[in-house]
Every structure is written in structure tokens, then in C-alpha cells.
Protein backbone atom coordinates (compact mmCIF):
# COMPACT_ATOMS: atom_id res chain seq x y z
CA UNK A 1 -16.11 -6.48 -0.34
CA UNK A 2 -14.48 -3.32 -2.63
CA UNK A 3 -10.89 -4.15 -5.13
CA UNK A 4 -8.11 -1.49 -4.67
CA UNK A 5 -5.03 -1.23 -6.82
CA UNK A 6 -2.36 1.16 -6.87
CA UNK A 7 1.43 1.38 -8.37
CA UNK A 8 4.83 3.25 -7.24
CA UNK A 9 8.05 3.86 -8.19
CA UNK A 10 10.98 2.48 -6.93
CA UNK A 11 14.58 3.15 -7.25
CA UNK A 12 16.96 0.28 -8.13
CA UNK A 13 18.82 0.91 -5.21
CA UNK A 14 16.41 0.24 -2.72
CA UNK A 15 14.76 -2.79 -3.60
CA UNK A 16 17.18 -4.89 -1.21
CA UNK A 17 15.45 -2.81 0.94
CA UNK A 18 12.19 -2.77 0.09
CA UNK A 19 11.70 -6.39 -0.59
CA UNK A 20 13.71 -6.54 2.93
CA UNK A 21 11.88 -4.51 5.23
CA UNK A 22 8.22 -6.53 3.16
CA UNK A 23 9.58 -9.88 4.17
CA UNK A 24 9.51 -9.75 7.95
CA UNK A 25 6.29 -6.38 7.88
CA UNK A 26 5.67 -5.88 11.74
CA UNK A 27 2.68 -7.54 13.86
CA UNK A 28 1.30 -4.62 14.63
CA UNK A 29 1.30 -2.89 11.46
CA UNK A 30 -0.56 -6.07 9.99
CA UNK A 31 -2.70 -5.72 12.34
CA UNK A 32 -3.38 -2.35 11.84
CA UNK A 33 -4.29 -3.84 8.50
CA UNK A 34 -6.58 -5.91 9.04
CA UNK A 35 -8.41 -3.39 11.96
CA UNK A 36 -9.24 -1.31 8.82
CA UNK A 37 -11.27 -4.22 7.00
CA UNK A 38 -8.19 -4.75 4.58
CA UNK A 39 -7.98 -8.23 3.05
CA UNK A 40 -6.29 -10.19 1.02
CA UNK A 41 -3.08 -7.57 0.78
CA UNK A 42 -0.10 -8.22 -1.68
CA UNK A 43 2.28 -6.04 -3.00
CA UNK A 44 3.71 -7.21 -6.95
CA UNK A 45 7.27 -5.86 -8.38
CA UNK A 46 7.39 -5.47 -11.83
CA UNK A 47 11.22 -4.17 -12.79
CA UNK A 48 11.32 -0.80 -10.49
CA UNK A 49 7.31 -0.39 -10.35
CA UNK A 50 5.28 -2.07 -7.19
CA UNK A 51 1.93 -2.82 -7.94
CA UNK A 52 -0.38 -3.49 -4.28
CA UNK A 53 -3.63 -4.86 -4.87
CA UNK A 54 -6.30 -5.46 -1.12
CA UNK A 55 -9.91 -5.71 -1.45
CA UNK A 56 -11.75 -3.77 1.14
CA UNK A 57 -14.25 -5.13 3.32
CA UNK A 58 -15.56 -2.13 5.79
CA UNK A 59 -18.30 0.32 5.09
CA UNK A 60 -16.51 3.25 5.99
CA UNK A 61 -13.20 3.45 3.22
CA UNK A 62 -12.32 6.85 4.28
CA UNK A 63 -12.40 6.59 8.22
CA UNK A 64 -10.71 3.65 7.63
CA UNK A 65 -7.70 4.60 5.96
CA UNK A 66 -7.63 8.20 8.31
CA UNK A 67 -7.55 5.54 11.68
CA UNK A 68 -4.85 3.50 9.75
CA UNK A 69 -2.47 7.49 8.99
CA UNK A 70 -3.33 7.91 13.11
CA UNK A 71 -2.02 4.63 13.62
CA UNK A 72 1.75 5.28 15.53
CA UNK A 73 3.43 2.35 14.39
CA UNK A 74 2.39 2.52 11.28
CA UNK A 75 3.16 6.66 10.95
CA UNK A 76 6.78 4.64 11.94
CA UNK A 77 6.47 2.19 9.23
CA UNK A 78 5.31 4.11 6.47
CA UNK A 79 8.76 6.61 7.42
CA UNK A 80 10.74 3.44 6.83
CA UNK A 81 9.24 2.56 3.58
CA UNK A 82 8.15 6.72 1.82
CA UNK A 83 12.41 7.18 1.24
CA UNK A 84 12.17 4.25 -0.41
CA UNK A 85 9.39 5.48 -3.00
CA UNK A 86 8.93 7.42 -6.09
CA UNK A 87 5.19 8.00 -6.71
CA UNK A 88 5.11 7.99 -10.61
CA UNK A 89 4.94 10.75 -12.77
CA UNK A 90 0.60 10.82 -13.72
CA UNK A 91 0.09 10.38 -9.97
CA UNK A 92 -2.96 12.82 -8.77
CA UNK A 93 -3.42 15.46 -5.98
CA UNK A 94 -3.01 14.35 -3.36
CA UNK A 95 -2.16 10.43 -3.54
CA UNK A 96 1.27 8.64 -3.24
CA UNK A 97 0.46 5.21 -4.31
CA UNK A 98 -1.52 6.25 -7.59
CA UNK A 99 -4.82 4.43 -8.03
CA UNK A 100 -5.51 2.18 -10.70
CA UNK A 101 -9.25 1.96 -12.15
CA UNK A 102 -10.19 -1.86 -12.11
CA UNK A 103 -11.24 -2.29 -15.94
CA UNK A 104 -12.12 -6.19 -15.85
CA UNK A 105 -12.58 -8.80 -13.08
CA UNK A 106 -14.38 -12.54 -13.47
CA UNK A 107 -14.93 -14.15 -10.14
């Protein structure tokens, strides 16, 4: 199992809509997340920063993420969410959500 964390910004005027969408995530989006071997997925908000955490239980992360990205329902969901998000300035090239390295963990 691998743990992943990432952040992205959000403009204050989009907070209500973003939270409304995530209070009722489409069942097909949730099913795709599960099929992509993602578990224990959470998004937190701190001011205008969104923090995402999930655990990956598969063996081909890039392949599973590519399959998720190809899913038409997931693409429609992202089309709704993406305009509400603002990538952080220091993200790496090609990132939308900026990956955060893990520096400590204890079970």
C-alpha cells in the first residue's frame, strides 16, 4: 500500500459549489475510484487550500490512473470540478494537484 497526498487552491467564491459537489459525489465516480485501487480517500479544506489524501493498493499506479482518466463519467466530473480549483504556484510541470512528499508516518 502506498500513501499519496496533494494540494490545490480554490477561490473563495467557489467554496460552496465545490463542497456541494463533494457532499454528493456521483456513484459512478466513486466506483471508478474503487476500481482504480484507491482506498481511504479524503479531501480536506484549510481556508482556500484543498488537501487530498488516499491510499493506493494496486501494483500499477500509472496504469490505474490512466484508466481513471479515460473514464467518461470521471472526465465529466473533472470538467465540473477543475474550473473551481486553482493550482498552487510551485507545482511541478504537468501537475494539477501538487504532490506532497511524506516526511513522517507511524501506525
